[in-house]
Amino acid sequence: VKAGYAWYAPNFFAKHGITTATRMDTFDKYRENIEKELASIITLMKADPKIDSKNIFAIGFSNGGFWTSFLAGEGIVTAAASHYGVWKACMGRCENSYPVEYFSSKSSPLLALHGVDDSTQKVKYFNNAWVLIQDTPKIEKHVYDDAGHMWDCFPSYSGMEKIYGSP
C-alpha cells in the first residue's frame, strides 16, 4: 500500500465450498459464477478513486492462472500473468474449451509461464491450447525445461510437492 499498490485476493474456493478434491468444479460447475464475481471485483476496483483504472493487472498460479487467462482473455484487466496455469479445464477425455474460448483480438496482454515437467497441468495441454491462441495479439509464453508445477526457480523433482504442498 505504501508503494501505491492495492491488491485483491478473491477466495472463490471458500465462497463456493470448493476443496482441493473438488477443485475441477471451478472450471465447469462454478465457472460462470466465478467469471461474474471476478468481473465484479475488477469493476469495483476501477470505480475506486484511489486506483488507476487503466493499471489493473492479474497474476495467478495454477487454478488462479486459469482465471488470469479469463481476465486477460476477456480484456477485463490491463494485463495478466498465468504462472503454471490450467490450460485443460477438465479431467480425462472431455470437451471443455476453456480458457481458450476467452481469447480474441480484444484480449489484453498475457504472459504464460509453464514447466515442461509439470505433472499437475501437463505441458501438452498448455501446448495444445497455445496452438489455438498463438495468433492472439499481445500474448507471450515461456516454457521452462527444468520446472514442474512450481516456480521455475525450484528444481523439478517429485519430493518438491511433499515439501511445499500440492496446489
Protein backbone atom coordinates (compact mmCIF):
# COMPACT_ATOMS: atom_id res chain seq x y z
CA VAL A 1 0.00 0.00 0.00
CA LYS A 2 2.84 2.41 0.86
CA ALA A 3 4.25 1.91 -2.65
CA GLY A 4 0.90 2.79 -4.20
CA TYR A 5 -0.38 -0.71 -4.87
CA ALA A 6 -3.75 -2.14 -3.98
CA TRP A 7 -4.32 -5.88 -4.19
CA TYR A 8 -7.29 -8.17 -4.00
CA ALA A 9 -7.15 -11.91 -3.35
CA PRO A 10 -10.60 -13.39 -4.03
CA ASN A 11 -11.21 -16.72 -2.34
CA PHE A 12 -13.80 -18.37 -4.55
CA PHE A 13 -12.85 -21.75 -3.09
CA ALA A 14 -14.28 -20.72 0.29
CA LYS A 15 -17.26 -18.89 -1.21
CA HIS A 16 -18.39 -21.94 -3.19
CA GLY A 17 -17.24 -24.63 -0.74
CA ILE A 18 -14.62 -25.92 -3.17
CA THR A 19 -11.90 -28.16 -1.76
CA THR A 20 -8.66 -29.45 -3.21
CA ALA A 21 -10.53 -32.64 -4.11
CA THR A 22 -13.30 -30.72 -5.94
CA ARG A 23 -11.11 -28.00 -7.48
CA MET A 24 -12.03 -29.02 -11.04
CA ASP A 25 -15.58 -27.80 -10.28
CA THR A 26 -14.25 -24.25 -10.64
CA PHE A 27 -13.99 -24.78 -14.39
CA ASP A 28 -17.47 -26.12 -15.08
CA LYS A 29 -19.95 -26.17 -12.18
CA TYR A 30 -18.91 -22.74 -10.83
CA ARG A 31 -17.21 -21.23 -13.91
CA GLU A 32 -19.93 -18.75 -14.88
CA ASN A 33 -20.44 -17.61 -11.27
CA ILE A 34 -16.72 -17.11 -10.75
CA GLU A 35 -16.45 -15.19 -14.03
CA LYS A 36 -19.17 -12.78 -12.85
CA GLU A 37 -17.63 -12.46 -9.39
CA LEU A 38 -14.14 -11.69 -10.72
CA ALA A 39 -15.51 -9.22 -13.26
CA SER A 40 -17.46 -7.52 -10.44
CA ILE A 41 -14.31 -7.21 -8.34
CA ILE A 42 -12.49 -5.54 -11.24
CA THR A 43 -15.47 -3.20 -11.74
CA LEU A 44 -15.25 -2.24 -8.05
CA MET A 45 -11.52 -1.64 -8.37
CA LYS A 46 -11.98 0.54 -11.45
CA ALA A 47 -14.60 2.62 -9.61
CA ASP A 48 -12.29 3.25 -6.63
CA PRO A 49 -10.87 6.79 -6.98
CA LYS A 50 -7.64 5.64 -5.31
CA ILE A 51 -7.00 3.10 -8.08
CA ASP A 52 -5.81 3.91 -11.60
CA SER A 53 -8.43 2.08 -13.62
CA LYS A 54 -6.02 1.74 -16.55
CA ASN A 55 -3.43 -0.11 -14.47
CA ILE A 56 -5.14 -3.22 -13.16
CA PHE A 57 -3.18 -6.42 -13.51
CA ALA A 58 -3.90 -10.02 -12.55
CA ILE A 59 -1.44 -12.74 -11.54
CA GLY A 60 -2.45 -16.30 -10.77
CA PHE A 61 -0.81 -19.63 -10.06
CA SER A 62 -2.30 -22.97 -11.22
CA ASN A 63 -6.09 -22.65 -10.82
CA GLY A 64 -5.55 -18.91 -10.43
CA GLY A 65 -3.61 -18.92 -13.69
CA PHE A 66 -6.77 -20.09 -15.43
CA TRP A 67 -8.65 -17.11 -14.01
CA THR A 68 -5.96 -14.63 -15.03
CA SER A 69 -6.37 -16.04 -18.53
CA PHE A 70 -10.09 -15.28 -18.24
CA LEU A 71 -9.44 -11.71 -17.09
CA ALA A 72 -6.87 -11.02 -19.82
CA GLY A 73 -8.65 -13.02 -22.49
CA GLU A 74 -11.86 -11.06 -21.99
CA GLY A 75 -9.94 -7.77 -21.78
CA ILE A 76 -11.18 -7.08 -18.25
CA VAL A 77 -7.74 -6.22 -16.83
CA THR A 78 -4.86 -4.24 -18.33
CA ALA A 79 -2.63 -7.32 -18.47
CA ALA A 80 -2.13 -10.64 -16.70
CA ALA A 81 0.36 -13.40 -15.97
CA SER A 82 -0.57 -17.07 -15.71
CA HIS A 83 2.03 -18.95 -13.66
CA TYR A 84 1.75 -22.69 -14.36
CA GLY A 85 -1.93 -22.17 -15.11
CA VAL A 86 -4.65 -24.61 -16.03
CA TRP A 87 -4.97 -24.99 -19.81
CA LYS A 88 -7.12 -28.13 -19.85
CA ALA A 89 -10.01 -27.38 -17.55
CA CYS A 90 -11.32 -30.91 -17.07
CA MET A 91 -10.13 -34.39 -16.20
CA GLY A 92 -9.63 -37.27 -18.64
CA ARG A 93 -11.35 -37.22 -22.02
CA CYS A 94 -13.57 -34.21 -22.03
CA GLU A 95 -14.86 -31.29 -24.02
CA ASN A 96 -14.12 -28.07 -22.18
CA SER A 97 -12.69 -25.40 -24.43
CA TYR A 98 -11.74 -23.00 -21.64
CA PRO A 99 -9.63 -20.97 -21.15
CA VAL A 100 -9.02 -20.91 -24.94
CA GLU A 101 -12.57 -19.60 -25.55
CA TYR A 102 -11.75 -16.39 -23.69
CA PHE A 103 -9.14 -15.20 -26.19
CA SER A 104 -9.78 -12.93 -29.16
CA SER A 105 -8.34 -9.88 -30.88
CA LYS A 106 -9.74 -7.81 -27.98
CA SER A 107 -7.74 -9.67 -25.32
CA SER A 108 -5.35 -7.86 -23.02
CA PRO A 109 -1.68 -8.86 -22.87
CA LEU A 110 -0.95 -12.18 -21.19
CA LEU A 111 2.32 -13.74 -20.09
CA ALA A 112 2.01 -17.51 -19.68
CA LEU A 113 4.70 -19.43 -17.79
CA HIS A 114 4.78 -23.21 -17.73
CA GLY A 115 7.11 -26.08 -16.87
CA VAL A 116 7.99 -28.93 -19.21
CA ASP A 117 7.84 -31.39 -16.28
CA ASP A 118 4.53 -30.11 -14.88
CA SER A 119 2.71 -33.24 -13.71
CA THR A 120 -0.36 -31.35 -12.47
CA GLN A 121 -1.12 -29.50 -15.72
CA LYS A 122 0.87 -31.32 -18.35
CA VAL A 123 2.79 -29.20 -20.85
CA LYS A 124 1.00 -30.99 -23.71
CA TYR A 125 -2.27 -29.35 -22.60
CA PHE A 126 -0.52 -26.00 -22.49
CA ASN A 127 0.93 -26.57 -25.96
CA ASN A 128 -2.44 -27.73 -27.36
CA ALA A 129 -4.11 -24.58 -26.04
CA TRP A 130 -1.27 -22.40 -27.24
CA VAL A 131 -1.69 -23.59 -30.83
CA LEU A 132 -5.27 -22.28 -30.70
CA ILE A 133 -4.45 -18.87 -29.19
CA GLN A 134 -0.95 -18.16 -30.52
CA ASP A 135 -2.24 -15.66 -33.07
CA THR A 136 -3.95 -13.62 -30.37
CA PRO A 137 -2.15 -10.27 -30.22
CA LYS A 138 -0.09 -9.44 -27.15
CA ILE A 139 0.37 -12.88 -25.64
CA GLU A 140 3.69 -14.42 -24.80
CA LYS A 141 4.80 -17.72 -23.36
CA HIS A 142 7.85 -19.03 -21.54
CA VAL A 143 8.24 -22.77 -21.03
CA TYR A 144 10.92 -23.79 -18.56
CA ASP A 145 12.78 -27.04 -19.23
CA ASP A 146 13.65 -27.76 -15.61
CA ALA A 147 10.35 -26.84 -13.98
CA GLY A 148 7.40 -28.88 -12.80
CA HIS A 149 4.21 -27.44 -11.34
CA MET A 150 6.20 -25.00 -9.26
CA TRP A 151 8.02 -21.77 -9.82
CA ASP A 152 10.83 -22.04 -12.31
CA CYS A 153 13.37 -21.30 -9.57
CA PHE A 154 12.70 -24.68 -7.93
CA PRO A 155 14.13 -27.86 -9.40
CA SER A 156 11.64 -30.35 -10.73
CA TYR A 157 11.51 -33.49 -8.64
CA SER A 158 8.74 -35.49 -7.01
CA GLY A 159 9.74 -34.58 -3.45
CA MET A 160 9.09 -30.87 -4.03
CA GLU A 161 5.33 -31.18 -3.58
CA LYS A 162 5.90 -33.04 -0.29
CA ILE A 163 7.88 -30.05 0.93
CA TYR A 164 5.70 -27.22 -0.39
CA GLY A 165 2.36 -28.99 -0.74
CA SER A 166 0.39 -29.66 -3.87
CA PRO A 167 -1.76 -26.88 -5.33
